[in-house]
Amino acid sequence: RLLCFVVNGNGLPNETEICATLQKEFALTTILVNRNSERTNVILGRRTRTVLGPGVIEDTLAGVPLRMGVHEFYQVNTPAAEVLYAKAREYAGLKPDDFLLDLYCGMGTIGLSMLADCKRLVGVEVVPQAVEGAKETAARLGLDADRADFRCQDAGAAAAQLAAEGARPDVIVVDPPRKGCDETTLSAVVQMSPRRVVYVSCNPVTLARDLATLTKLGYKAEGFTPVDMFPHTEHIETVCALSKLEIHRKKPSGKR
């Protein structure tokens, strides 16, 4: 259990006594204080310090051992997350020599959970702390960068760069935030021409929008699985499998 105070200042009054009491009462592993003095809708500020404990907590999700602080995205309903990731792995249908691209990869959990099925993984995430966490996890698993490479970039920019470099992943997984994928990302995904796209979504509205775009660009949705990640709310996560349509155009015969 990790507790993080977000404060508009340098700390809490009677901070040491408050943290010691809370640690004892709730069996906390670590307590952090994050400073955010910005007037925005972003919850966390850039500066975080550890008050008690190691500053991280540990968990294993879908067979992947993880260490996380407060900046890394993590599914709090881990039993449902394992169901979701298992379905994503099934939909990916990876083969031993495949190259897997994991966009919006967070701490790399989805990609690393599938790595046993393929040859190479590249993960892309814009949050530096999450990328560092993914690299540390890969190192603990004995994976070098040739097997599991994690990059700190915007998903759309990275996808466009990979497409321009001629990268040809066999399967692409996308797990975007609620706003979905932007046009740059979807265009680059199609340009790289993977045989399968696995789309993990926390927002059915943007999922439908992005699937409409991918359908126009030559992909067909083959399966949908909703997962009740947030019981007793209207929110769900959905994993969708898409495959590339092979379009065969016949050359016209004779003259008009």
Protein backbone atom coordinates (compact mmCIF):
# COMPACT_ATOMS: atom_id res chain seq x y z
CA ARG A 1 0.00 0.00 0.00
CA LEU A 2 1.26 3.39 -1.05
CA LEU A 3 -0.10 6.73 0.13
CA CYS A 4 0.71 9.99 -1.65
CA PHE A 5 -0.26 13.42 -0.37
CA VAL A 6 -0.63 16.06 -3.08
CA VAL A 7 -0.10 19.47 -1.52
CA ASN A 8 0.11 23.08 -2.66
CA GLY A 9 3.21 23.77 -0.61
CA ASN A 10 6.35 22.13 0.68
CA GLY A 11 4.80 19.66 3.08
CA LEU A 12 2.26 18.97 5.82
CA PRO A 13 2.01 20.42 9.31
CA ASN A 14 3.19 17.77 11.78
CA GLU A 15 4.15 15.68 8.80
CA THR A 16 6.32 13.13 10.64
CA GLU A 17 3.66 12.37 13.26
CA ILE A 18 0.82 12.19 10.71
CA CYS A 19 2.73 9.82 8.42
CA ALA A 20 3.87 7.57 11.26
CA THR A 21 0.30 7.27 12.55
CA LEU A 22 -1.14 6.52 9.09
CA GLN A 23 1.59 3.99 8.33
CA LYS A 24 0.76 2.08 11.50
CA GLU A 25 -3.03 2.35 11.13
CA PHE A 26 -3.20 1.20 7.50
CA ALA A 27 -0.04 -0.95 7.22
CA LEU A 28 1.39 1.36 4.57
CA THR A 29 4.53 0.30 2.71
CA THR A 30 5.55 3.81 1.74
CA ILE A 31 4.34 7.41 1.98
CA LEU A 32 5.09 10.16 -0.54
CA VAL A 33 4.47 13.89 -0.68
CA ASN A 34 3.92 15.41 -4.11
CA ARG A 35 4.05 19.17 -4.59
CA ASN A 36 1.66 20.69 -7.13
CA SER A 37 1.23 24.46 -7.09
CA GLU A 38 -0.01 24.71 -10.68
CA ARG A 39 -3.57 25.86 -11.36
CA THR A 40 -4.48 23.14 -13.87
CA ASN A 41 -6.51 19.93 -13.92
CA VAL A 42 -3.34 17.81 -13.68
CA ILE A 43 -3.32 16.02 -10.33
CA LEU A 44 0.38 15.39 -9.79
CA GLY A 45 3.16 17.93 -9.79
CA ARG A 46 6.68 17.24 -10.96
CA ARG A 47 8.32 17.00 -7.53
CA THR A 48 7.73 13.98 -5.31
CA ARG A 49 9.68 13.07 -2.20
CA THR A 50 9.60 9.99 -0.01
CA VAL A 51 8.64 10.47 3.64
CA LEU A 52 8.56 6.84 4.77
CA GLY A 53 9.52 3.54 3.15
CA PRO A 54 11.32 2.81 -0.14
CA GLY A 55 9.15 5.08 -2.30
CA VAL A 56 7.72 2.22 -4.37
CA ILE A 57 5.39 -0.73 -3.98
CA GLU A 58 5.64 -4.11 -5.73
CA ASP A 59 3.10 -6.30 -7.46
CA THR A 60 2.91 -9.02 -10.08
CA LEU A 61 0.40 -8.58 -12.90
CA ALA A 62 -0.11 -11.10 -15.72
CA GLY A 63 3.15 -12.77 -14.67
CA VAL A 64 5.15 -9.52 -14.84
CA PRO A 65 6.84 -8.35 -11.59
CA LEU A 66 6.43 -4.60 -11.18
CA ARG A 67 7.71 -1.79 -8.98
CA MET A 68 5.82 1.47 -9.05
CA GLY A 69 5.62 4.85 -7.42
CA VAL A 70 2.82 7.34 -8.01
CA HIS A 71 3.54 8.65 -11.53
CA GLU A 72 3.13 5.29 -13.27
CA PHE A 73 -0.31 4.24 -14.51
CA TYR A 74 -1.57 1.03 -12.96
CA GLN A 75 -4.90 -0.80 -13.01
CA VAL A 76 -6.21 -0.89 -9.44
CA ASN A 77 -8.55 -3.83 -10.17
CA THR A 78 -5.80 -6.35 -10.80
CA PRO A 79 -7.97 -9.50 -11.14
CA ALA A 80 -10.00 -7.82 -13.91
CA ALA A 81 -6.80 -6.42 -15.46
CA GLU A 82 -5.40 -9.95 -15.74
CA VAL A 83 -8.57 -11.02 -17.56
CA LEU A 84 -8.20 -8.03 -19.89
CA TYR A 85 -4.52 -8.68 -20.62
CA ALA A 86 -5.11 -12.39 -21.19
CA LYS A 87 -7.77 -11.57 -23.77
CA ALA A 88 -5.45 -9.04 -25.44
CA ARG A 89 -2.77 -11.74 -25.63
CA GLU A 90 -5.25 -14.17 -27.15
CA TYR A 91 -6.41 -11.60 -29.71
CA ALA A 92 -2.79 -10.76 -30.64
CA GLY A 93 -2.20 -14.31 -31.93
CA LEU A 94 1.56 -13.84 -31.85
CA LYS A 95 4.06 -16.17 -33.52
CA PRO A 96 7.62 -16.99 -32.35
CA ASP A 97 9.33 -14.72 -34.90
CA ASP A 98 6.94 -11.77 -34.55
CA PHE A 99 7.79 -8.14 -33.81
CA LEU A 100 5.32 -6.60 -31.34
CA LEU A 101 4.83 -2.83 -31.02
CA ASP A 102 3.09 -1.67 -27.81
CA LEU A 103 1.91 1.96 -28.03
CA TYR A 104 0.88 3.84 -24.87
CA CYS A 105 2.63 1.00 -23.03
CA GLY A 106 2.77 2.51 -19.52
CA MET A 107 5.08 0.33 -17.44
CA GLY A 108 5.19 -2.21 -20.26
CA THR A 109 2.89 -4.73 -18.62
CA ILE A 110 0.85 -5.70 -21.68
CA GLY A 111 3.86 -6.09 -23.98
CA LEU A 112 5.99 -7.92 -21.43
CA SER A 113 3.11 -10.28 -20.66
CA MET A 114 3.10 -11.25 -24.36
CA LEU A 115 6.87 -11.41 -24.92
CA ALA A 116 7.03 -15.18 -24.39
CA ASP A 117 4.95 -15.51 -27.59
CA CYS A 118 7.13 -13.39 -29.88
CA LYS A 119 10.70 -12.48 -30.74
CA ARG A 120 10.91 -8.73 -30.15
CA LEU A 121 9.03 -5.99 -28.30
CA VAL A 122 9.17 -2.21 -28.66
CA GLY A 123 7.14 -0.20 -26.15
CA VAL A 124 6.35 3.52 -26.37
CA GLU A 125 5.18 5.73 -23.51
CA VAL A 126 5.30 9.50 -22.91
CA VAL A 127 5.65 9.39 -19.09
CA PRO A 128 9.38 9.19 -18.20
CA GLN A 129 8.86 7.44 -14.85
CA ALA A 130 6.78 4.72 -16.50
CA VAL A 131 9.44 4.14 -19.16
CA GLU A 132 12.14 3.86 -16.50
CA GLY A 133 9.95 1.37 -14.66
CA ALA A 134 9.50 -0.70 -17.82
CA LYS A 135 13.25 -0.72 -18.44
CA GLU A 136 13.94 -1.77 -14.86
CA THR A 137 11.40 -4.58 -15.12
CA ALA A 138 12.94 -5.80 -18.38
CA ALA A 139 16.39 -5.73 -16.76
CA ARG A 140 15.16 -7.76 -13.78
CA LEU A 141 13.76 -10.30 -16.27
CA GLY A 142 17.15 -10.51 -17.99
CA LEU A 143 15.96 -8.92 -21.23
CA ASP A 144 18.30 -6.74 -23.27
CA ALA A 145 17.21 -3.90 -25.57
CA ASP A 146 17.29 -6.18 -28.62
CA ARG A 147 14.48 -8.21 -27.05
CA ALA A 148 12.54 -5.52 -25.18
CA ASP A 149 13.14 -1.86 -26.05
CA PHE A 150 11.20 0.92 -24.30
CA ARG A 151 11.16 4.47 -25.61
CA CYS A 152 9.99 7.71 -24.00
CA GLN A 153 8.08 9.43 -26.80
CA ASP A 154 4.63 10.60 -27.74
CA ALA A 155 2.83 7.61 -29.25
CA GLY A 156 1.91 9.41 -32.47
CA ALA A 157 5.38 10.85 -32.99
CA ALA A 158 7.02 7.50 -32.29
CA ALA A 159 4.65 5.61 -34.57
CA ALA A 160 5.24 8.11 -37.39
CA GLN A 161 9.01 7.85 -36.90
CA LEU A 162 8.94 4.05 -36.92
CA ALA A 163 6.78 4.05 -40.05
CA ALA A 164 9.18 6.45 -41.79
CA GLU A 165 12.08 4.19 -40.84
CA GLY A 166 10.34 1.26 -42.50
CA ALA A 167 9.46 -0.62 -39.31
CA ARG A 168 7.08 -3.49 -39.94
CA PRO A 169 5.65 -4.86 -36.69
CA ASP A 170 3.53 -7.96 -37.11
CA VAL A 171 1.16 -6.97 -34.30
CA ILE A 172 0.47 -3.55 -32.76
CA VAL A 173 -1.20 -3.07 -29.39
CA VAL A 174 -2.65 0.34 -28.51
CA ASP A 175 -3.94 1.24 -25.03
CA PRO A 176 -4.62 4.99 -25.23
CA PRO A 177 -6.12 7.30 -22.59
CA ARG A 178 -9.81 8.22 -22.69
CA LYS A 179 -9.28 10.65 -25.58
CA GLY A 180 -8.29 7.73 -27.81
CA CYS A 181 -5.69 7.73 -30.58
CA ASP A 182 -4.99 10.79 -32.69
CA GLU A 183 -4.98 10.73 -36.50
CA THR A 184 -1.17 10.70 -36.64
CA THR A 185 -1.03 7.51 -34.60
CA LEU A 186 -3.73 5.71 -36.56
CA SER A 187 -2.21 6.74 -39.91
CA ALA A 188 1.20 5.49 -38.85
CA VAL A 189 -0.27 2.22 -37.57
CA VAL A 190 -1.89 1.60 -40.95
CA GLN A 191 1.29 2.61 -42.79
CA MET A 192 3.26 -0.04 -40.86
CA SER A 193 0.69 -2.59 -42.06
CA PRO A 194 0.56 -5.06 -39.12
CA ARG A 195 -1.54 -8.15 -39.71
CA ARG A 196 -3.26 -7.60 -36.34
CA VAL A 197 -4.12 -4.56 -34.22
CA VAL A 198 -5.28 -5.05 -30.63
CA TYR A 199 -7.06 -1.98 -29.25
CA VAL A 200 -7.55 -1.71 -25.47
CA SER A 201 -9.97 1.10 -24.59
CA CYS A 202 -11.38 2.71 -21.46
CA ASN A 203 -13.84 4.83 -23.45
CA PRO A 204 -16.35 3.18 -25.85
CA VAL A 205 -17.04 6.53 -27.56
CA THR A 206 -13.47 7.13 -28.73
CA LEU A 207 -13.05 3.41 -29.43
CA ALA A 208 -15.97 3.55 -31.88
CA ARG A 209 -14.52 6.67 -33.51
CA ASP A 210 -11.07 5.12 -33.95
CA LEU A 211 -12.45 1.81 -35.20
CA ALA A 212 -14.38 3.70 -37.87
CA THR A 213 -11.11 5.26 -39.02
CA LEU A 214 -9.23 1.96 -39.02
CA THR A 215 -12.08 0.30 -40.92
CA LYS A 216 -11.88 2.94 -43.65
CA LEU A 217 -8.12 2.36 -43.84
CA GLY A 218 -8.32 -1.39 -44.43
CA TYR A 219 -8.83 -3.16 -41.10
CA LYS A 220 -11.75 -5.22 -39.89
CA ALA A 221 -12.87 -5.60 -36.27
CA GLU A 222 -13.17 -9.31 -35.53
CA GLY A 223 -13.87 -9.51 -31.82
CA PHE A 224 -14.86 -7.40 -28.82
CA THR A 225 -14.61 -8.30 -25.14
CA PRO A 226 -15.85 -5.87 -22.47
CA VAL A 227 -14.30 -6.20 -19.01
CA ASP A 228 -16.01 -4.86 -15.87
CA MET A 229 -12.92 -3.09 -14.58
CA PHE A 230 -14.91 -0.66 -12.44
CA PRO A 231 -17.80 -2.56 -10.78
CA HIS A 232 -20.95 -0.61 -9.82
CA THR A 233 -20.11 2.17 -12.28
CA GLU A 234 -21.02 2.76 -15.93
CA HIS A 235 -17.36 2.48 -16.97
CA ILE A 236 -15.86 -0.55 -18.70
CA GLU A 237 -12.67 -1.48 -20.47
CA THR A 238 -12.95 -3.08 -23.89
CA VAL A 239 -10.40 -5.06 -25.87
CA CYS A 240 -10.91 -5.32 -29.62
CA ALA A 241 -9.13 -7.41 -32.25
CA LEU A 242 -8.67 -6.11 -35.79
CA SER A 243 -7.14 -7.86 -38.78
CA LYS A 244 -5.81 -6.44 -42.03
CA LEU A 245 -7.99 -6.88 -45.08
CA GLU A 246 -6.14 -8.09 -48.13
CA ILE A 247 -7.49 -6.18 -51.13
CA HIS A 248 -6.78 -7.77 -54.48
CA ARG A 249 -7.31 -5.49 -57.41
CA LYS A 250 -7.59 -7.06 -60.83
CA LYS A 251 -5.87 -5.32 -63.69
CA PRO A 252 -8.27 -4.32 -66.44
CA SER A 253 -8.02 -6.47 -69.53
CA GLY A 254 -8.24 -5.12 -73.08
CA LYS A 255 -8.78 -1.56 -74.17
CA ARG A 256 -11.68 0.74 -73.49
